[in-house]
Amino acid sequence: MTSTVAVLGLGAMGLPMASHLARTFTTTGFDIAAQRLDLACQAGIAPAASAAEAAAGADAVLVAVRNQAQLEELLFGQDGIAAAMRPGAQVLLTSTVGGQGVSAVAERLAAAGLGLVDAPVSGGPVRAGTGDLLVVVGAEDASWEAAHDVLDALASTLVRVGDAPGYGQAMKTVNQLLCGVHIAAAGEALALADALGLDTAAALEALMAGAASSFMLGDRGPRMLQAYDEAGAEVRSRLDIFVKDMGIVTAAAKSAGLSTPVAAAAEQLYLQGARRGLAAQDDSSIITVLAPSPSAPATAEAGPGEAGPGEAGAASRAGQAPS
């Protein structure tokens, strides 16, 4: 039974997960950003001066890092937490880092008497704060049992997809293929709606009512409509996360000898976005890669009694029925 949890990495997902866990478990947190530690204090999370201090004595250490390199540095670097953790404690890896190397990390932790629960999460920050995440897990039996109560607190859907670390990353890779493609497709669809002169807000509402709807269209679509505003959309999921994740997807497919042309095309869009300076922007800004600016009303002459698509769209956006 878990009583103490340390959360390392209090970013967009780590902080709401820690805040939710603090309602049930004694929770300590650490982040290199002082502002995130201040927010953690306000949420009832005890701040630590270092990652090792947070991890010492914890039954479970939840890790929310960006990539494999950060994971290995956190665990085994100069001030790595593996040396500070008590024997029998579990590392809960909630990040998407790809399957390559996770098995080796598990072996190094096992040699130190520690377990690795490969448990990447999906659902976004809002759902993370309410324990409404999808958590897919690859873990040995002992680690699965030891960490089950923490995982259950985070998840509305908890699925053990394999009996060893690596399976969780494999399942999350499949998940991210769909998520990345769906965001790119949503941007492409709304850019086309605009180019055809449609009111994009009305188009989004109509699409969400039919068979074309998806979680990503409903979640990212409204922010895509804000992407052209001077302030841009609120950053809830950075575009460079999908540069990383789609790279993991295409690399995994290549290693498996599988062609994934749709995922590869989506990856190129995210790469283009990063090259255009959008890496730190919300991933909904991918629409601006497809259409750098909203379409202006069409100026081509229309025949008697007709309106061109752009004119109809302009009238709709003004709340008037096209004549």
Protein backbone atom coordinates (compact mmCIF):
# COMPACT_ATOMS: atom_id res chain seq x y z
CA MET A 1 0.00 0.00 0.00
CA THR A 2 1.47 3.34 -1.05
CA SER A 3 1.52 6.15 1.48
CA THR A 4 4.13 8.59 0.15
CA VAL A 5 4.55 9.76 -3.44
CA ALA A 6 7.17 12.03 -4.99
CA VAL A 7 6.39 13.77 -8.27
CA LEU A 8 9.40 14.93 -10.26
CA GLY A 9 8.58 17.36 -13.03
CA LEU A 10 5.72 19.74 -12.24
CA GLY A 11 4.94 20.86 -15.76
CA ALA A 12 1.67 20.87 -17.67
CA MET A 13 0.92 17.25 -16.73
CA GLY A 14 3.08 16.71 -13.64
CA LEU A 15 1.54 19.48 -11.54
CA PRO A 16 -2.12 18.50 -12.00
CA MET A 17 -1.25 14.83 -11.42
CA ALA A 18 0.59 15.78 -8.23
CA SER A 19 -2.27 18.01 -7.11
CA HIS A 20 -4.73 15.17 -7.56
CA LEU A 21 -2.53 12.64 -5.78
CA ALA A 22 -2.06 15.03 -2.85
CA ARG A 23 -5.73 14.52 -2.00
CA THR A 24 -5.02 10.87 -1.16
CA PHE A 25 -1.29 10.45 -0.55
CA THR A 26 1.44 12.38 1.24
CA THR A 27 2.95 14.03 -1.82
CA THR A 28 6.29 15.77 -2.32
CA GLY A 29 7.26 17.53 -5.52
CA PHE A 30 10.26 18.97 -7.29
CA ASP A 31 10.81 21.01 -10.42
CA ILE A 32 13.78 23.07 -11.55
CA ALA A 33 11.44 26.05 -12.09
CA ALA A 34 10.77 27.96 -8.86
CA GLN A 35 7.41 29.16 -10.19
CA ARG A 36 6.18 25.59 -10.57
CA LEU A 37 7.25 24.82 -6.99
CA ASP A 38 5.27 27.83 -5.78
CA LEU A 39 2.19 26.52 -7.60
CA ALA A 40 2.79 23.10 -6.06
CA CYS A 41 2.83 24.60 -2.57
CA GLN A 42 -0.51 26.27 -3.25
CA ALA A 43 -1.90 22.86 -4.24
CA GLY A 44 -0.83 21.21 -0.99
CA ILE A 45 2.29 19.53 -2.33
CA ALA A 46 5.34 19.66 -0.09
CA PRO A 47 8.25 21.19 -2.05
CA ALA A 48 11.69 19.60 -2.03
CA ALA A 49 15.04 21.28 -2.57
CA SER A 50 16.16 18.63 -5.05
CA ALA A 51 14.88 15.62 -6.94
CA ALA A 52 16.90 13.30 -4.70
CA GLU A 53 15.43 14.87 -1.58
CA ALA A 54 11.91 14.40 -2.93
CA ALA A 55 12.57 10.77 -3.86
CA ALA A 56 14.25 9.73 -0.62
CA GLY A 57 11.87 7.63 1.45
CA ALA A 58 9.01 7.74 -1.07
CA ASP A 59 7.13 4.53 -1.84
CA ALA A 60 6.52 5.66 -5.43
CA VAL A 61 8.34 8.27 -7.50
CA LEU A 62 6.28 9.57 -10.41
CA VAL A 63 8.48 10.89 -13.20
CA ALA A 64 7.21 13.41 -15.77
CA VAL A 65 10.16 14.25 -18.03
CA ARG A 66 10.44 15.24 -21.67
CA ASN A 67 12.59 12.48 -23.19
CA GLN A 68 14.89 9.49 -22.67
CA ALA A 69 17.97 11.63 -22.04
CA GLN A 70 16.24 13.53 -19.23
CA LEU A 71 15.02 10.25 -17.75
CA GLU A 72 18.49 8.74 -17.60
CA GLU A 73 20.01 11.92 -16.18
CA LEU A 74 17.32 12.11 -13.50
CA LEU A 75 17.79 8.48 -12.50
CA PHE A 76 21.50 7.90 -12.91
CA GLY A 77 23.18 11.28 -13.41
CA GLN A 78 25.50 13.06 -11.01
CA ASP A 79 22.63 13.72 -8.59
CA GLY A 80 20.53 10.79 -9.76
CA ILE A 81 17.61 9.73 -7.64
CA ALA A 82 18.24 5.98 -7.93
CA ALA A 83 20.96 6.25 -5.31
CA ALA A 84 18.62 8.12 -2.94
CA MET A 85 15.57 5.86 -3.22
CA ARG A 86 14.82 3.19 -0.65
CA PRO A 87 14.96 -0.48 -1.77
CA GLY A 88 11.61 -1.73 -3.02
CA ALA A 89 10.39 1.69 -4.16
CA GLN A 90 8.86 2.08 -7.60
CA VAL A 91 9.61 4.55 -10.37
CA LEU A 92 6.42 5.41 -12.27
CA LEU A 93 7.36 6.62 -15.74
CA THR A 94 4.39 8.63 -17.03
CA SER A 95 6.20 10.28 -19.95
CA THR A 96 6.34 9.28 -23.60
CA VAL A 97 10.01 8.50 -24.22
CA GLY A 98 9.75 5.57 -26.66
CA GLY A 99 10.44 1.91 -26.06
CA GLN A 100 14.10 2.02 -26.98
CA GLY A 101 16.17 1.98 -23.80
CA VAL A 102 13.33 1.49 -21.32
CA SER A 103 14.22 -2.17 -20.76
CA ALA A 104 17.83 -1.21 -20.05
CA VAL A 105 16.67 1.42 -17.55
CA ALA A 106 14.51 -1.21 -15.84
CA GLU A 107 17.49 -3.54 -15.55
CA ARG A 108 19.66 -0.84 -13.95
CA LEU A 109 16.92 0.00 -11.47
CA ALA A 110 16.36 -3.67 -10.65
CA ALA A 111 20.06 -4.02 -9.84
CA ALA A 112 19.56 -1.27 -7.26
CA GLY A 113 16.50 -3.01 -5.81
CA LEU A 114 14.03 -0.65 -7.47
CA GLY A 115 11.10 -1.30 -9.79
CA LEU A 116 10.07 0.48 -12.98
CA VAL A 117 6.41 0.87 -13.87
CA ASP A 118 6.16 1.92 -17.51
CA ALA A 119 2.92 3.91 -17.32
CA PRO A 120 2.58 6.66 -19.94
CA VAL A 121 -0.58 8.73 -19.62
CA SER A 122 -2.97 10.36 -22.07
CA GLY A 123 -5.79 12.84 -21.63
CA GLY A 124 -4.35 16.30 -21.09
CA PRO A 125 -3.83 18.60 -18.09
CA VAL A 126 -7.50 19.12 -17.19
CA ARG A 127 -8.20 15.41 -16.97
CA ALA A 128 -4.90 14.88 -15.13
CA GLY A 129 -6.18 17.12 -12.36
CA THR A 130 -9.33 15.06 -11.86
CA GLY A 131 -7.91 11.52 -12.10
CA ASP A 132 -9.53 10.99 -15.50
CA LEU A 133 -6.53 9.82 -17.52
CA LEU A 134 -5.94 6.83 -19.74
CA VAL A 135 -2.93 5.03 -18.24
CA VAL A 136 -1.37 2.14 -20.16
CA VAL A 137 1.04 0.02 -18.18
CA GLY A 138 3.89 -2.36 -18.79
CA ALA A 139 5.20 -3.76 -15.50
CA GLU A 140 6.26 -6.92 -13.75
CA ASP A 141 3.75 -8.40 -11.31
CA ALA A 142 5.42 -7.08 -8.13
CA SER A 143 5.70 -3.54 -9.48
CA TRP A 144 2.15 -3.60 -10.81
CA GLU A 145 0.81 -4.60 -7.39
CA ALA A 146 2.99 -2.09 -5.53
CA ALA A 147 1.96 0.87 -7.68
CA HIS A 148 -1.63 -0.08 -8.45
CA ASP A 149 -3.24 2.30 -5.95
CA VAL A 150 -1.35 5.31 -7.33
CA LEU A 151 -2.13 4.35 -10.92
CA ASP A 152 -5.77 3.81 -10.07
CA ALA A 153 -5.96 7.27 -8.50
CA LEU A 154 -4.70 8.85 -11.72
CA ALA A 155 -6.81 6.87 -14.16
CA SER A 156 -10.39 6.56 -15.22
CA THR A 157 -9.13 3.88 -17.61
CA LEU A 158 -6.20 1.76 -16.41
CA VAL A 159 -4.97 -0.94 -18.76
CA ARG A 160 -2.05 -3.27 -18.17
CA VAL A 161 -0.85 -4.02 -21.68
CA GLY A 162 2.18 -6.14 -20.83
CA ASP A 163 4.14 -7.75 -18.01
CA ALA A 164 7.39 -5.83 -18.50
CA PRO A 165 8.52 -2.22 -19.00
CA GLY A 166 8.44 -1.27 -22.67
CA TYR A 167 4.90 -2.42 -23.37
CA GLY A 168 3.47 0.79 -21.97
CA GLN A 169 5.67 2.83 -24.29
CA ALA A 170 4.67 0.64 -27.23
CA MET A 171 0.97 1.23 -26.55
CA LYS A 172 1.51 4.98 -26.07
CA THR A 173 3.37 5.08 -29.39
CA VAL A 174 0.27 3.70 -31.12
CA ASN A 175 -1.85 6.21 -29.21
CA GLN A 176 0.36 9.11 -30.28
CA LEU A 177 0.23 8.08 -33.93
CA LEU A 178 -3.52 8.66 -33.84
CA CYS A 179 -3.33 11.81 -31.73
CA GLY A 180 -0.69 13.42 -33.94
CA VAL A 181 -2.51 12.54 -37.15
CA HIS A 182 -5.87 13.70 -35.74
CA ILE A 183 -4.49 17.13 -34.78
CA ALA A 184 -2.90 17.55 -38.21
CA ALA A 185 -6.11 16.44 -39.92
CA ALA A 186 -8.17 18.82 -37.80
CA GLY A 187 -5.92 21.70 -38.82
CA GLU A 188 -6.14 20.71 -42.46
CA ALA A 189 -9.94 20.46 -42.34
CA LEU A 190 -10.44 23.84 -40.69
CA ALA A 191 -7.93 25.48 -43.03
CA LEU A 192 -9.91 24.06 -45.97
CA ALA A 193 -13.19 25.27 -44.48
CA ASP A 194 -11.74 28.77 -44.27
CA ALA A 195 -10.30 28.61 -47.79
CA LEU A 196 -13.74 27.64 -49.11
CA GLY A 197 -15.28 30.70 -47.50
CA LEU A 198 -17.05 28.93 -44.65
CA ASP A 199 -17.52 30.36 -41.19
CA THR A 200 -14.93 28.22 -39.40
CA ALA A 201 -16.66 28.34 -36.01
CA ALA A 202 -19.91 27.14 -37.59
CA ALA A 203 -17.99 24.52 -39.57
CA LEU A 204 -16.37 23.22 -36.40
CA GLU A 205 -19.73 22.98 -34.65
CA ALA A 206 -21.22 21.08 -37.60
CA LEU A 207 -18.27 18.69 -37.85
CA MET A 208 -18.46 17.87 -34.15
CA ALA A 209 -22.10 16.84 -34.59
CA GLY A 210 -21.37 14.21 -37.22
CA ALA A 211 -19.22 11.24 -38.09
CA ALA A 212 -16.14 13.44 -38.67
CA SER A 213 -15.93 14.39 -34.99
CA SER A 214 -12.96 13.37 -32.87
CA PHE A 215 -11.56 14.23 -29.46
CA MET A 216 -8.70 16.17 -31.02
CA LEU A 217 -11.00 18.13 -33.33
CA GLY A 218 -13.19 19.11 -30.39
CA ASP A 219 -10.26 19.88 -28.10
CA ARG A 220 -7.85 21.58 -30.51
CA GLY A 221 -10.38 23.01 -32.96
CA PRO A 222 -11.42 26.01 -30.83
CA ARG A 223 -7.77 26.84 -30.19
CA MET A 224 -7.04 26.56 -33.91
CA LEU A 225 -9.59 29.32 -34.44
CA GLN A 226 -7.57 31.44 -31.98
CA ALA A 227 -4.22 30.65 -33.59
CA TYR A 228 -4.37 33.72 -35.82
CA ASP A 229 -5.10 36.12 -32.94
CA GLU A 230 -2.28 38.41 -31.90
CA ALA A 231 -1.81 36.54 -28.61
CA GLY A 232 -2.30 33.13 -30.23
CA ALA A 233 -3.96 30.20 -28.51
CA GLU A 234 -3.39 29.28 -24.88
CA VAL A 235 -0.48 26.85 -24.65
CA ARG A 236 -1.81 23.59 -23.25
CA SER A 237 0.31 21.17 -25.28
CA ARG A 238 3.47 22.45 -26.95
CA LEU A 239 4.01 21.74 -30.61
CA ASP A 240 7.50 20.37 -30.01
CA ILE A 241 5.99 17.56 -27.93
CA PHE A 242 4.53 16.18 -31.15
CA VAL A 243 7.81 16.70 -32.98
CA LYS A 244 9.24 14.30 -30.40
CA ASP A 245 6.28 11.94 -30.30
CA MET A 246 5.82 11.61 -34.06
CA GLY A 247 9.55 10.98 -34.31
CA ILE A 248 9.09 8.12 -31.85
CA VAL A 249 6.17 6.83 -33.92
CA THR A 250 7.98 6.82 -37.25
CA ALA A 251 11.17 5.39 -35.73
CA ALA A 252 9.21 2.56 -34.09
CA ALA A 253 7.40 1.82 -37.35
CA LYS A 254 10.68 1.75 -39.26
CA SER A 255 12.24 -0.63 -36.74
CA ALA A 256 9.18 -2.89 -37.11
CA GLY A 257 9.39 -2.77 -40.91
CA LEU A 258 5.99 -1.09 -41.18
CA SER A 259 5.10 1.72 -43.55
CA THR A 260 3.20 4.60 -41.89
CA PRO A 261 2.79 7.23 -44.63
CA VAL A 262 0.04 9.19 -42.89
CA ALA A 263 2.05 9.47 -39.67
CA ALA A 264 5.12 10.47 -41.67
CA ALA A 265 3.19 13.26 -43.39
CA ALA A 266 1.93 14.54 -40.04
CA GLU A 267 5.47 14.44 -38.64
CA GLN A 268 6.62 16.71 -41.47
CA LEU A 269 3.98 19.29 -40.54
CA TYR A 270 5.20 19.41 -36.94
CA LEU A 271 8.79 19.68 -38.09
CA GLN A 272 7.84 22.56 -40.37
CA GLY A 273 6.06 24.25 -37.48
CA ALA A 274 9.13 23.97 -35.27
CA ARG A 275 11.33 25.40 -38.04
CA ARG A 276 8.93 28.35 -38.31
CA GLY A 277 9.35 29.20 -34.64
CA LEU A 278 6.23 27.49 -33.30
CA ALA A 279 7.97 24.91 -31.10
CA ALA A 280 6.87 26.53 -27.84
CA GLN A 281 3.39 27.42 -29.15
CA ASP A 282 0.29 25.30 -28.62
CA ASP A 283 0.17 22.39 -31.07
CA SER A 284 -3.09 23.81 -32.43
CA SER A 285 -0.88 26.38 -34.19
CA ILE A 286 -0.18 23.65 -36.77
CA ILE A 287 -3.05 25.19 -38.73
CA THR A 288 -0.85 28.22 -39.46
CA VAL A 289 1.68 25.96 -41.18
CA LEU A 290 -1.06 24.86 -43.57
CA ALA A 291 -2.53 28.36 -43.96
CA PRO A 292 -0.19 31.13 -42.76
CA SER A 293 -3.11 33.58 -42.55
CA PRO A 294 -6.90 33.36 -42.73
CA SER A 295 -8.37 33.54 -46.19
CA ALA A 296 -9.57 36.94 -47.36
CA PRO A 297 -12.98 37.14 -49.02
CA ALA A 298 -12.80 36.24 -52.71
CA THR A 299 -12.61 39.24 -55.07
CA ALA A 300 -13.39 37.45 -58.31
CA GLU A 301 -16.46 38.76 -60.11
CA ALA A 302 -19.58 36.70 -59.61
CA GLY A 303 -22.26 36.16 -62.17
CA PRO A 304 -25.68 37.83 -61.89
CA GLY A 305 -27.47 36.75 -58.74
CA GLU A 306 -24.46 34.68 -57.59
CA ALA A 307 -21.96 35.03 -54.80
CA GLY A 308 -18.49 33.51 -54.90
CA PRO A 309 -17.49 31.21 -52.03
CA GLY A 310 -15.42 33.93 -50.39
CA GLU A 311 -18.28 36.43 -50.53
CA ALA A 312 -20.68 33.91 -49.03
CA GLY A 313 -18.17 33.19 -46.26
CA ALA A 314 -17.71 36.91 -45.59
CA ALA A 315 -21.47 37.39 -45.32
CA SER A 316 -21.76 34.43 -42.97
CA ARG A 317 -18.96 35.74 -40.77
CA ALA A 318 -20.82 39.06 -40.60
CA GLY A 319 -23.96 37.25 -39.48
CA GLN A 320 -25.81 37.94 -42.75
CA ALA A 321 -27.32 35.51 -45.19
CA PRO A 322 -25.59 35.74 -48.58
CA SER A 323 -27.86 37.22 -51.23
